Structure formats: structure tokens, C-alpha cells
Amino acid sequence: MTYGYSHNLVEANKNANPEFLGVAFGRMCIELGIPATRVAEELGVSRMTVYNWFWGESIPSRNNSEQIKLFMARYEK
């Protein structure tokens, strides 16, 4: 389930470097169907910022990286 993520975003995420935290975060959100709007609201950033992380176009700040890691930890199996 891609929860409304565009085909272009999903493909860009698949082709981006998975070593980037934002890209790995994007893969998790896409796979689990977590909407970018929810991510943006919880982290206090814009949806465009979230999409840029997911695409690997930008790298989260240190503070955002810590928040992303906490967010991801809630969904670890």
C-alpha cells in the first residue's frame, strides 16, 4: 500500500541511496502506509521537506534525524 504516494515518488525512493536516513525512512513510510502529511505534522516540517528526504534530495538536520530515528523505532518489528 502506498497511501496516496505518487508513482514518481515511489520510484524515486526505490532508486535513491538507501544509506540515507531520509530514504530509509521513506521506504518504511511507503511500505507501512504512513502518510507524508502525518510525518510532516509529527516532525514539525512541511510535506515538501518530507518528500525531499524520501527522494534523497536533502538530508535531515541533526535534530530532525533524531526525531526520525524515534519515529522509526516505534515501527520496528
C-alpha atoms as a PDB file:
ATOM      1  CA  MET A   1       0.000   0.000   0.000  1.00  0.00           C
ATOM      2  CA  THR A   2       1.447   3.368  -0.973  1.00  0.00           C
ATOM      3  CA  TYR A   3      -1.151   5.538   0.825  1.00  0.00           C
ATOM      4  CA  GLY A   4      -1.502   8.034  -1.956  1.00  0.00           C
ATOM      5  CA  TYR A   5       2.191   8.331  -2.709  1.00  0.00           C
ATOM      6  CA  SER A   6       2.716   9.087  -6.372  1.00  0.00           C
ATOM      7  CA  HIS A   7       4.288   6.520  -8.639  1.00  0.00           C
ATOM      8  CA  ASN A   8       7.118   9.002  -9.287  1.00  0.00           C
ATOM      9  CA  LEU A   9       7.889   9.379  -5.593  1.00  0.00           C
ATOM     10  CA  VAL A  10       7.811   5.628  -5.001  1.00  0.00           C
ATOM     11  CA  GLU A  11      10.144   5.026  -7.961  1.00  0.00           C
ATOM     12  CA  ALA A  12      12.486   7.858  -6.929  1.00  0.00           C
ATOM     13  CA  ASN A  13      12.642   6.400  -3.424  1.00  0.00           C
ATOM     14  CA  LYS A  14      13.429   2.934  -4.798  1.00  0.00           C
ATOM     15  CA  ASN A  15      16.266   4.378  -6.889  1.00  0.00           C
ATOM     16  CA  ALA A  16      17.696   6.595  -4.143  1.00  0.00           C
ATOM     17  CA  ASN A  17      20.599   5.620  -1.900  1.00  0.00           C
ATOM     18  CA  PRO A  18      19.150   3.540   0.967  1.00  0.00           C
ATOM     19  CA  GLU A  19      22.066   4.544   3.194  1.00  0.00           C
ATOM     20  CA  PHE A  20      20.493   7.988   3.582  1.00  0.00           C
ATOM     21  CA  LEU A  21      18.297   8.163   6.660  1.00  0.00           C
ATOM     22  CA  GLY A  22      15.573  10.074   4.808  1.00  0.00           C
ATOM     23  CA  VAL A  23      15.425   7.467   2.049  1.00  0.00           C
ATOM     24  CA  ALA A  24      15.244   4.581   4.530  1.00  0.00           C
ATOM     25  CA  PHE A  25      12.562   6.492   6.416  1.00  0.00           C
ATOM     26  CA  GLY A  26      10.658   6.992   3.173  1.00  0.00           C
ATOM     27  CA  ARG A  27      10.779   3.288   2.372  1.00  0.00           C
ATOM     28  CA  MET A  28       9.386   2.482   5.791  1.00  0.00           C
ATOM     29  CA  CYS A  29       6.586   5.037   5.490  1.00  0.00           C
ATOM     30  CA  ILE A  30       5.658   3.905   1.980  1.00  0.00           C
ATOM     31  CA  GLU A  31       5.718   0.229   2.976  1.00  0.00           C
ATOM     32  CA  LEU A  32       3.635   0.782   6.119  1.00  0.00           C
ATOM     33  CA  GLY A  33       1.267   3.274   4.506  1.00  0.00           C
ATOM     34  CA  ILE A  34       2.152   6.147   6.811  1.00  0.00           C
ATOM     35  CA  PRO A  35       1.028   9.368   5.122  1.00  0.00           C
ATOM     36  CA  ALA A  36       3.595  12.101   4.484  1.00  0.00           C
ATOM     37  CA  THR A  37       1.138  14.574   5.982  1.00  0.00           C
ATOM     38  CA  ARG A  38       1.233  12.717   9.287  1.00  0.00           C
ATOM     39  CA  VAL A  39       5.031  12.548   9.210  1.00  0.00           C
ATOM     40  CA  ALA A  40       5.255  16.272   8.491  1.00  0.00           C
ATOM     41  CA  GLU A  41       2.855  17.148  11.293  1.00  0.00           C
ATOM     42  CA  GLU A  42       4.583  14.941  13.849  1.00  0.00           C
ATOM     43  CA  LEU A  43       8.048  16.232  12.969  1.00  0.00           C
ATOM     44  CA  GLY A  44       7.016  19.859  12.534  1.00  0.00           C
ATOM     45  CA  VAL A  45       8.187  20.184   8.933  1.00  0.00           C
ATOM     46  CA  SER A  46       6.481  20.678   5.578  1.00  0.00           C
ATOM     47  CA  ARG A  47       5.327  17.817   3.372  1.00  0.00           C
ATOM     48  CA  MET A  48       7.797  19.017   0.740  1.00  0.00           C
ATOM     49  CA  THR A  49      10.620  18.568   3.242  1.00  0.00           C
ATOM     50  CA  VAL A  50       9.425  15.022   3.899  1.00  0.00           C
ATOM     51  CA  TYR A  51       9.272  14.287   0.159  1.00  0.00           C
ATOM     52  CA  ASN A  52      12.787  15.684  -0.316  1.00  0.00           C
ATOM     53  CA  TRP A  53      14.059  13.336   2.390  1.00  0.00           C
ATOM     54  CA  PHE A  54      12.238  10.389   0.815  1.00  0.00           C
ATOM     55  CA  TRP A  55      13.773  11.204  -2.607  1.00  0.00           C
ATOM     56  CA  GLY A  56      17.227  11.686  -1.135  1.00  0.00           C
ATOM     57  CA  GLU A  57      17.212  15.303  -2.350  1.00  0.00           C
ATOM     58  CA  SER A  58      18.009  16.675   1.096  1.00  0.00           C
ATOM     59  CA  ILE A  59      19.426  15.377   4.342  1.00  0.00           C
ATOM     60  CA  PRO A  60      17.568  15.863   7.629  1.00  0.00           C
ATOM     61  CA  SER A  61      19.150  18.175  10.191  1.00  0.00           C
ATOM     62  CA  ARG A  62      20.659  16.626  13.297  1.00  0.00           C
ATOM     63  CA  ASN A  63      17.529  17.408  15.324  1.00  0.00           C
ATOM     64  CA  ASN A  64      15.237  16.040  12.608  1.00  0.00           C
ATOM     65  CA  SER A  65      17.426  12.950  12.286  1.00  0.00           C
ATOM     66  CA  GLU A  66      16.943  12.215  15.972  1.00  0.00           C
ATOM     67  CA  GLN A  67      13.182  12.687  15.625  1.00  0.00           C
ATOM     68  CA  ILE A  68      13.111  10.402  12.571  1.00  0.00           C
ATOM     69  CA  LYS A  69      15.008   7.691  14.454  1.00  0.00           C
ATOM     70  CA  LEU A  70      12.493   7.891  17.310  1.00  0.00           C
ATOM     71  CA  PHE A  71       9.604   7.765  14.841  1.00  0.00           C
ATOM     72  CA  MET A  72      11.115   4.729  13.082  1.00  0.00           C
ATOM     73  CA  ALA A  73      11.768   2.948  16.389  1.00  0.00           C
ATOM     74  CA  ARG A  74       8.027   2.935  17.062  1.00  0.00           C
ATOM     75  CA  TYR A  75       7.526   0.732  13.994  1.00  0.00           C
ATOM     76  CA  GLU A  76      10.471  -1.646  14.309  1.00  0.00           C
ATOM     77  CA  LYS A  77       9.494  -5.279  14.343  1.00  0.00           C
END
